[in-house]
Amino acid sequence: MNQVVFWLILLIILVAIEIATMGLTTIWFAGGAFVAIIAAAFDAPLYVQITLFLSVSVVLLLFTRPIAMKYFNRDRIKTNAESLIGKQAIVTEEVDNLMAAGTVSVDGQEWTARNVMDGVKLPRGTIVIIRAISGVKLIVEERNEGM
């Protein structure tokens, strides 16, 4: 019965962490702990309980997590910064990676910018595409004329 209490306490802790984080982080292991409780209640040896805990946790993690994450993140809204990727911006101060200088304007906001290509300066007035964000800097690339 002592092992049942151990698995029950572990289950409660894992569920509490899941409730606190709401990030689908420990729910898979809570399922494994639940199965281990059942095994302990039927006096299964400790190695069987541990094996069941680990195998059920891994199976739940591998097979149900991708499905759960798909539905969990479905309504996720991009942050303000993430929404900039792929947008056009205009260079307001020459972008020069070597000099660690350059700014662009996008959606009425000024951002520090760096070029995707080192050694290539982007003069003021150049239209660029935002390719990534690194810290508080936009990583930009000169727009091709065909765009």
N, C-alpha and C. Protein backbone atom coordinates (compact mmCIF):
# COMPACT_ATOMS: atom_id res chain seq x y z
N MET A 1 0.82 -1.19 0.00
CA MET A 1 0.00 0.00 0.00
C MET A 1 0.87 1.27 0.00
N ASN A 2 2.09 1.15 0.51
CA ASN A 2 3.01 2.27 0.56
C ASN A 2 3.34 2.78 -0.85
N GLN A 3 3.47 1.86 -1.79
CA GLN A 3 3.78 2.24 -3.17
C GLN A 3 2.59 2.95 -3.82
N VAL A 4 1.39 2.55 -3.47
CA VAL A 4 0.20 3.23 -3.99
C VAL A 4 0.21 4.69 -3.55
N VAL A 5 0.57 4.94 -2.31
CA VAL A 5 0.62 6.31 -1.79
C VAL A 5 1.68 7.12 -2.54
N PHE A 6 2.84 6.51 -2.78
CA PHE A 6 3.90 7.20 -3.52
C PHE A 6 3.40 7.62 -4.91
N TRP A 7 2.80 6.69 -5.65
CA TRP A 7 2.33 6.99 -7.00
C TRP A 7 1.19 8.02 -6.97
N LEU A 8 0.35 7.93 -5.93
CA LEU A 8 -0.75 8.89 -5.79
C LEU A 8 -0.21 10.30 -5.54
N ILE A 9 0.78 10.41 -4.68
CA ILE A 9 1.40 11.72 -4.42
C ILE A 9 2.04 12.25 -5.70
N LEU A 10 2.75 11.39 -6.43
CA LEU A 10 3.37 11.80 -7.69
C LEU A 10 2.30 12.27 -8.68
N LEU A 11 1.20 11.53 -8.77
CA LEU A 11 0.11 11.91 -9.66
C LEU A 11 -0.44 13.28 -9.29
N ILE A 12 -0.65 13.53 -8.02
CA ILE A 12 -1.19 14.82 -7.57
C ILE A 12 -0.22 15.95 -7.90
N ILE A 13 1.06 15.72 -7.68
CA ILE A 13 2.08 16.74 -8.00
C ILE A 13 2.08 17.04 -9.49
N LEU A 14 2.07 15.98 -10.31
CA LEU A 14 2.10 16.17 -11.77
C LEU A 14 0.86 16.90 -12.27
N VAL A 15 -0.30 16.56 -11.73
CA VAL A 15 -1.53 17.23 -12.14
C VAL A 15 -1.51 18.69 -11.67
N ALA A 16 -0.99 18.94 -10.47
CA ALA A 16 -0.90 20.32 -9.97
C ALA A 16 0.01 21.16 -10.86
N ILE A 17 1.14 20.58 -11.28
CA ILE A 17 2.04 21.30 -12.19
C ILE A 17 1.35 21.58 -13.51
N GLU A 18 0.61 20.61 -14.01
CA GLU A 18 -0.10 20.79 -15.28
C GLU A 18 -1.14 21.90 -15.16
N ILE A 19 -1.87 21.92 -14.07
CA ILE A 19 -2.88 22.95 -13.87
C ILE A 19 -2.22 24.32 -13.77
N ALA A 20 -1.08 24.38 -13.09
CA ALA A 20 -0.39 25.66 -12.91
C ALA A 20 0.20 26.19 -14.22
N THR A 21 0.71 25.30 -15.06
CA THR A 21 1.37 25.75 -16.28
C THR A 21 0.45 25.76 -17.49
N MET A 22 -0.53 24.90 -17.53
CA MET A 22 -1.45 24.76 -18.66
C MET A 22 -0.68 24.66 -19.99
N GLY A 23 0.44 23.98 -19.95
CA GLY A 23 1.27 23.91 -21.14
C GLY A 23 1.47 22.51 -21.67
N LEU A 24 0.67 21.57 -21.25
CA LEU A 24 0.82 20.17 -21.65
C LEU A 24 2.25 19.70 -21.42
N THR A 25 2.71 19.87 -20.18
CA THR A 25 4.08 19.49 -19.86
C THR A 25 4.17 18.20 -19.05
N THR A 26 3.25 18.00 -18.12
CA THR A 26 3.36 16.84 -17.24
C THR A 26 2.18 15.88 -17.32
N ILE A 27 1.20 16.20 -18.12
CA ILE A 27 -0.01 15.37 -18.16
C ILE A 27 0.30 13.95 -18.62
N TRP A 28 1.29 13.81 -19.48
CA TRP A 28 1.65 12.49 -20.01
C TRP A 28 2.20 11.61 -18.90
N PHE A 29 2.98 12.22 -18.00
CA PHE A 29 3.56 11.48 -16.89
C PHE A 29 2.50 11.20 -15.82
N ALA A 30 1.51 12.05 -15.72
CA ALA A 30 0.40 11.80 -14.81
C ALA A 30 -0.36 10.55 -15.24
N GLY A 31 -0.51 10.37 -16.56
CA GLY A 31 -1.14 9.14 -17.06
C GLY A 31 -0.32 7.91 -16.70
N GLY A 32 0.99 8.02 -16.80
CA GLY A 32 1.87 6.91 -16.40
C GLY A 32 1.77 6.63 -14.92
N ALA A 33 1.68 7.67 -14.10
CA ALA A 33 1.55 7.49 -12.65
C ALA A 33 0.21 6.84 -12.31
N PHE A 34 -0.83 7.17 -13.05
CA PHE A 34 -2.14 6.56 -12.81
C PHE A 34 -2.09 5.05 -13.05
N VAL A 35 -1.44 4.66 -14.15
CA VAL A 35 -1.32 3.23 -14.46
C VAL A 35 -0.46 2.54 -13.39
N ALA A 36 0.58 3.22 -12.91
CA ALA A 36 1.42 2.66 -11.86
C ALA A 36 0.64 2.49 -10.55
N ILE A 37 -0.30 3.39 -10.27
CA ILE A 37 -1.15 3.25 -9.08
C ILE A 37 -1.96 1.95 -9.17
N ILE A 38 -2.52 1.71 -10.34
CA ILE A 38 -3.32 0.49 -10.54
C ILE A 38 -2.44 -0.74 -10.35
N ALA A 39 -1.24 -0.71 -10.93
CA ALA A 39 -0.32 -1.85 -10.78
C ALA A 39 0.06 -2.05 -9.32
N ALA A 40 0.32 -0.96 -8.60
CA ALA A 40 0.68 -1.07 -7.18
C ALA A 40 -0.48 -1.59 -6.35
N ALA A 41 -1.70 -1.21 -6.72
CA ALA A 41 -2.88 -1.69 -5.99
C ALA A 41 -3.05 -3.20 -6.14
N PHE A 42 -2.57 -3.75 -7.26
CA PHE A 42 -2.62 -5.20 -7.48
C PHE A 42 -1.32 -5.89 -7.04
N ASP A 43 -0.53 -5.19 -6.23
CA ASP A 43 0.73 -5.73 -5.68
C ASP A 43 1.73 -6.17 -6.73
N ALA A 44 1.80 -5.45 -7.84
CA ALA A 44 2.83 -5.73 -8.85
C ALA A 44 4.19 -5.33 -8.27
N PRO A 45 5.25 -6.02 -8.67
CA PRO A 45 6.58 -5.65 -8.19
C PRO A 45 6.94 -4.22 -8.61
N LEU A 46 7.85 -3.62 -7.86
CA LEU A 46 8.23 -2.23 -8.12
C LEU A 46 8.77 -2.04 -9.52
N TYR A 47 9.57 -2.99 -10.02
CA TYR A 47 10.13 -2.84 -11.37
C TYR A 47 9.02 -2.83 -12.42
N VAL A 48 7.94 -3.55 -12.19
CA VAL A 48 6.80 -3.55 -13.12
C VAL A 48 6.11 -2.19 -13.07
N GLN A 49 5.95 -1.65 -11.88
CA GLN A 49 5.32 -0.34 -11.72
C GLN A 49 6.13 0.74 -12.45
N ILE A 50 7.44 0.72 -12.24
CA ILE A 50 8.31 1.71 -12.88
C ILE A 50 8.29 1.54 -14.39
N THR A 51 8.33 0.30 -14.85
CA THR A 51 8.29 0.03 -16.29
C THR A 51 6.98 0.53 -16.89
N LEU A 52 5.87 0.25 -16.22
CA LEU A 52 4.57 0.73 -16.70
C LEU A 52 4.52 2.26 -16.71
N PHE A 53 5.01 2.88 -15.64
CA PHE A 53 5.02 4.34 -15.56
C PHE A 53 5.78 4.93 -16.74
N LEU A 54 6.99 4.42 -16.97
CA LEU A 54 7.81 4.96 -18.05
C LEU A 54 7.22 4.67 -19.42
N SER A 55 6.79 3.43 -19.65
CA SER A 55 6.29 3.08 -20.98
C SER A 55 4.98 3.79 -21.31
N VAL A 56 4.06 3.88 -20.37
CA VAL A 56 2.80 4.58 -20.61
C VAL A 56 3.06 6.07 -20.83
N SER A 57 3.96 6.64 -20.05
CA SER A 57 4.29 8.06 -20.21
C SER A 57 4.87 8.34 -21.58
N VAL A 58 5.80 7.50 -22.02
CA VAL A 58 6.42 7.69 -23.33
C VAL A 58 5.41 7.49 -24.45
N VAL A 59 4.58 6.47 -24.35
CA VAL A 59 3.57 6.22 -25.38
C VAL A 59 2.60 7.40 -25.47
N LEU A 60 2.14 7.88 -24.33
CA LEU A 60 1.24 9.05 -24.34
C LEU A 60 1.93 10.27 -24.94
N LEU A 61 3.17 10.47 -24.56
CA LEU A 61 3.92 11.61 -25.06
C LEU A 61 4.11 11.54 -26.57
N LEU A 62 4.50 10.39 -27.07
CA LEU A 62 4.79 10.26 -28.50
C LEU A 62 3.55 10.26 -29.39
N PHE A 63 2.49 9.64 -28.92
CA PHE A 63 1.33 9.47 -29.79
C PHE A 63 0.22 10.49 -29.60
N THR A 64 0.10 11.07 -28.43
CA THR A 64 -1.00 12.01 -28.24
C THR A 64 -0.55 13.47 -28.20
N ARG A 65 0.70 13.72 -27.88
CA ARG A 65 1.17 15.10 -27.79
C ARG A 65 1.04 15.85 -29.12
N PRO A 66 1.46 15.27 -30.26
CA PRO A 66 1.31 16.02 -31.52
C PRO A 66 -0.14 16.41 -31.81
N ILE A 67 -1.06 15.52 -31.52
CA ILE A 67 -2.48 15.81 -31.74
C ILE A 67 -2.95 16.89 -30.78
N ALA A 68 -2.58 16.76 -29.52
CA ALA A 68 -3.00 17.74 -28.52
C ALA A 68 -2.40 19.12 -28.82
N MET A 69 -1.15 19.17 -29.21
CA MET A 69 -0.52 20.46 -29.51
C MET A 69 -1.18 21.13 -30.72
N LYS A 70 -1.62 20.33 -31.67
CA LYS A 70 -2.30 20.88 -32.84
C LYS A 70 -3.56 21.63 -32.42
N TYR A 71 -4.34 21.03 -31.53
CA TYR A 71 -5.57 21.66 -31.09
C TYR A 71 -5.31 22.71 -30.02
N PHE A 72 -4.28 22.51 -29.21
CA PHE A 72 -3.94 23.44 -28.14
C PHE A 72 -3.46 24.76 -28.71
N ASN A 73 -2.70 24.74 -29.79
CA ASN A 73 -2.13 25.95 -30.39
C ASN A 73 -2.97 26.52 -31.53
N ARG A 74 -4.11 25.92 -31.80
CA ARG A 74 -4.93 26.35 -32.93
C ARG A 74 -5.34 27.82 -32.82
N ASP A 75 -5.71 28.26 -31.64
CA ASP A 75 -6.19 29.62 -31.46
C ASP A 75 -5.10 30.58 -31.01
N ARG A 76 -3.87 30.12 -31.05
CA ARG A 76 -2.75 30.95 -30.61
C ARG A 76 -2.59 32.13 -31.55
N ILE A 77 -2.50 33.30 -30.98
CA ILE A 77 -2.35 34.53 -31.75
C ILE A 77 -0.88 34.90 -31.75
N LYS A 78 -0.36 35.25 -32.92
CA LYS A 78 1.02 35.67 -32.99
C LYS A 78 1.22 36.94 -32.18
N THR A 79 2.39 37.03 -31.56
CA THR A 79 2.70 38.26 -30.84
C THR A 79 2.94 39.36 -31.84
N ASN A 80 3.00 40.57 -31.37
CA ASN A 80 3.21 41.72 -32.23
C ASN A 80 4.48 41.55 -33.06
N ALA A 81 5.55 41.12 -32.42
CA ALA A 81 6.82 40.97 -33.14
C ALA A 81 6.75 39.84 -34.17
N GLU A 82 6.18 38.69 -33.80
CA GLU A 82 6.10 37.56 -34.74
C GLU A 82 5.30 37.92 -35.99
N SER A 83 4.33 38.80 -35.83
CA SER A 83 3.49 39.17 -36.97
C SER A 83 4.24 40.01 -38.00
N LEU A 84 5.42 40.50 -37.65
CA LEU A 84 6.20 41.32 -38.59
C LEU A 84 6.93 40.48 -39.64
N ILE A 85 7.21 39.22 -39.33
CA ILE A 85 7.98 38.39 -40.25
C ILE A 85 7.22 38.25 -41.57
N GLY A 86 7.93 38.55 -42.67
CA GLY A 86 7.34 38.49 -44.00
C GLY A 86 6.82 39.84 -44.49
N LYS A 87 6.72 40.82 -43.60
CA LYS A 87 6.23 42.14 -44.00
C LYS A 87 7.34 42.96 -44.64
N GLN A 88 6.91 43.98 -45.36
CA GLN A 88 7.85 44.91 -45.96
C GLN A 88 8.13 46.04 -44.99
N ALA A 89 9.35 46.56 -45.08
CA ALA A 89 9.75 47.72 -44.28
C ALA A 89 10.59 48.63 -45.16
N ILE A 90 10.80 49.84 -44.72
CA ILE A 90 11.64 50.77 -45.46
C ILE A 90 12.82 51.17 -44.58
N VAL A 91 14.01 51.18 -45.16
CA VAL A 91 15.21 51.53 -44.43
C VAL A 91 15.20 53.04 -44.16
N THR A 92 15.30 53.42 -42.89
CA THR A 92 15.32 54.83 -42.51
C THR A 92 16.72 55.31 -42.15
N GLU A 93 17.59 54.38 -41.82
CA GLU A 93 19.01 54.66 -41.59
C GLU A 93 19.77 53.50 -42.20
N GLU A 94 20.81 53.79 -42.97
CA GLU A 94 21.54 52.76 -43.69
C GLU A 94 21.84 51.56 -42.79
N VAL A 95 21.53 50.37 -43.32
CA VAL A 95 21.79 49.14 -42.59
C VAL A 95 23.18 48.65 -42.98
N ASP A 96 24.06 48.59 -41.97
CA ASP A 96 25.44 48.17 -42.17
C ASP A 96 25.82 47.26 -41.01
N ASN A 97 25.88 45.96 -41.29
CA ASN A 97 26.18 44.99 -40.23
C ASN A 97 27.55 45.23 -39.61
N LEU A 98 28.53 45.60 -40.43
CA LEU A 98 29.89 45.81 -39.95
C LEU A 98 29.94 46.95 -38.92
N MET A 99 29.18 47.99 -39.16
CA MET A 99 29.15 49.14 -38.26
C MET A 99 28.09 48.98 -37.16
N ALA A 100 27.34 47.87 -37.20
CA ALA A 100 26.25 47.62 -36.24
C ALA A 100 25.29 48.79 -36.23
N ALA A 101 24.90 49.21 -37.43
CA ALA A 101 24.01 50.36 -37.55
C ALA A 101 22.87 50.03 -38.51
N GLY A 102 21.78 50.74 -38.34
CA GLY A 102 20.68 50.61 -39.27
C GLY A 102 19.34 50.53 -38.58
N THR A 103 18.36 51.20 -39.18
CA THR A 103 16.99 51.11 -38.69
C THR A 103 16.04 51.02 -39.87
N VAL A 104 14.90 50.43 -39.59
CA VAL A 104 13.85 50.36 -40.60
C VAL A 104 12.54 50.80 -39.95
N SER A 105 11.60 51.17 -40.78
CA SER A 105 10.28 51.54 -40.32
C SER A 105 9.28 50.53 -40.86
N VAL A 106 8.47 49.99 -39.97
CA VAL A 106 7.43 49.06 -40.38
C VAL A 106 6.19 49.35 -39.53
N ASP A 107 5.08 49.47 -40.19
CA ASP A 107 3.81 49.77 -39.50
C ASP A 107 3.93 50.98 -38.58
N GLY A 108 4.70 51.98 -39.02
CA GLY A 108 4.84 53.21 -38.25
C GLY A 108 5.78 53.10 -37.06
N GLN A 109 6.48 51.99 -36.92
CA GLN A 109 7.41 51.82 -35.80
C GLN A 109 8.83 51.70 -36.31
N GLU A 110 9.76 52.28 -35.58
CA GLU A 110 11.18 52.19 -35.92
C GLU A 110 11.78 50.98 -35.21
N TRP A 111 12.55 50.21 -35.95
CA TRP A 111 13.23 49.04 -35.40
C TRP A 111 14.70 49.07 -35.81
N THR A 112 15.56 48.59 -34.93
CA THR A 112 16.95 48.37 -35.30
C THR A 112 16.96 47.19 -36.26
N ALA A 113 17.81 47.27 -37.27
CA ALA A 113 17.80 46.22 -38.30
C ALA A 113 19.22 45.80 -38.66
N ARG A 114 19.31 44.55 -39.08
CA ARG A 114 20.55 43.99 -39.62
C ARG A 114 20.19 43.25 -40.90
N ASN A 115 21.15 43.23 -41.83
CA ASN A 115 20.95 42.58 -43.12
C ASN A 115 21.19 41.07 -42.98
N VAL A 116 20.44 40.29 -43.71
CA VAL A 116 20.66 38.84 -43.76
C VAL A 116 22.07 38.55 -44.28
N MET A 117 22.50 39.37 -45.23
CA MET A 117 23.81 39.16 -45.87
C MET A 117 24.85 40.11 -45.28
N ASP A 118 25.87 39.55 -44.64
CA ASP A 118 26.95 40.37 -44.11
C ASP A 118 27.71 41.02 -45.25
N GLY A 119 28.20 42.23 -45.02
CA GLY A 119 29.00 42.91 -46.01
C GLY A 119 28.21 43.64 -47.07
N VAL A 120 26.90 43.55 -47.03
CA VAL A 120 26.05 44.23 -48.01
C VAL A 120 25.28 45.32 -47.26
N LYS A 121 25.52 46.57 -47.63
CA LYS A 121 24.82 47.69 -47.02
C LYS A 121 23.49 47.92 -47.72
N LEU A 122 22.53 48.35 -46.95
CA LEU A 122 21.22 48.70 -47.50
C LEU A 122 21.01 50.19 -47.29
N PRO A 123 21.03 50.97 -48.38
CA PRO A 123 20.91 52.43 -48.24
C PRO A 123 19.52 52.86 -47.79
N ARG A 124 19.47 54.09 -47.29
CA ARG A 124 18.21 54.67 -46.85
C ARG A 124 17.22 54.68 -48.01
N GLY A 125 15.96 54.33 -47.72
CA GLY A 125 14.92 54.32 -48.74
C GLY A 125 14.72 52.96 -49.39
N THR A 126 15.60 51.99 -49.10
CA THR A 126 15.48 50.65 -49.67
C THR A 126 14.29 49.93 -49.06
N ILE A 127 13.52 49.26 -49.90
CA ILE A 127 12.41 48.43 -49.41
C ILE A 127 12.99 47.05 -49.08
N VAL A 128 12.69 46.56 -47.86
CA VAL A 128 13.22 45.27 -47.42
C VAL A 128 12.07 44.39 -46.94
N ILE A 129 12.37 43.10 -46.86
CA ILE A 129 11.43 42.12 -46.31
C ILE A 129 12.01 41.64 -44.98
N ILE A 130 11.17 41.58 -43.96
CA ILE A 130 11.61 41.10 -42.66
C ILE A 130 11.63 39.57 -42.69
N ARG A 131 12.80 39.00 -42.44
CA ARG A 131 12.96 37.54 -42.51
C ARG A 131 12.98 36.87 -41.15
N ALA A 132 13.41 37.60 -40.12
CA ALA A 132 13.49 37.00 -38.78
C ALA A 132 13.61 38.12 -37.75
N ILE A 133 13.56 37.73 -36.50
CA ILE A 133 13.77 38.65 -35.40
C ILE A 133 14.82 38.03 -34.49
N SER A 134 15.83 38.82 -34.15
CA SER A 134 16.89 38.36 -33.24
C SER A 134 16.96 39.35 -32.10
N GLY A 135 16.45 38.96 -30.96
CA GLY A 135 16.38 39.88 -29.83
C GLY A 135 15.42 41.01 -30.16
N VAL A 136 15.96 42.24 -30.22
CA VAL A 136 15.13 43.39 -30.58
C VAL A 136 15.48 43.92 -31.96
N LYS A 137 16.20 43.13 -32.73
CA LYS A 137 16.60 43.55 -34.08
C LYS A 137 15.84 42.75 -35.13
N LEU A 138 15.43 43.46 -36.17
CA LEU A 138 14.83 42.78 -37.31
C LEU A 138 15.94 42.36 -38.26
N ILE A 139 15.85 41.14 -38.75
CA ILE A 139 16.78 40.65 -39.76
C ILE A 139 16.07 40.79 -41.09
N VAL A 140 16.65 41.63 -41.97
CA VAL A 140 15.94 42.00 -43.20
C VAL A 140 16.75 41.60 -44.43
N GLU A 141 16.03 41.58 -45.54
CA GLU A 141 16.63 41.25 -46.83
C GLU A 141 16.05 42.20 -47.86
N GLU A 142 16.88 42.66 -48.77
CA GLU A 142 16.39 43.57 -49.79
C GLU A 142 15.33 42.88 -50.63
N ARG A 143 14.25 43.62 -50.88
CA ARG A 143 13.14 43.08 -51.67
C ARG A 143 13.55 42.96 -53.12
N ASN A 144 13.23 41.82 -53.73
CA ASN A 144 13.48 41.65 -55.17
C ASN A 144 12.45 42.48 -55.93
N GLU A 145 12.81 42.95 -57.09
CA GLU A 145 11.91 43.78 -57.88
C GLU A 145 10.63 43.06 -58.28
N GLY A 146 10.66 41.73 -58.36
CA GLY A 146 9.49 40.96 -58.78
C GLY A 146 8.41 40.85 -57.72
N MET A 147 8.68 41.35 -56.52
CA MET A 147 7.71 41.19 -55.42
C MET A 147 6.69 42.26 -55.41
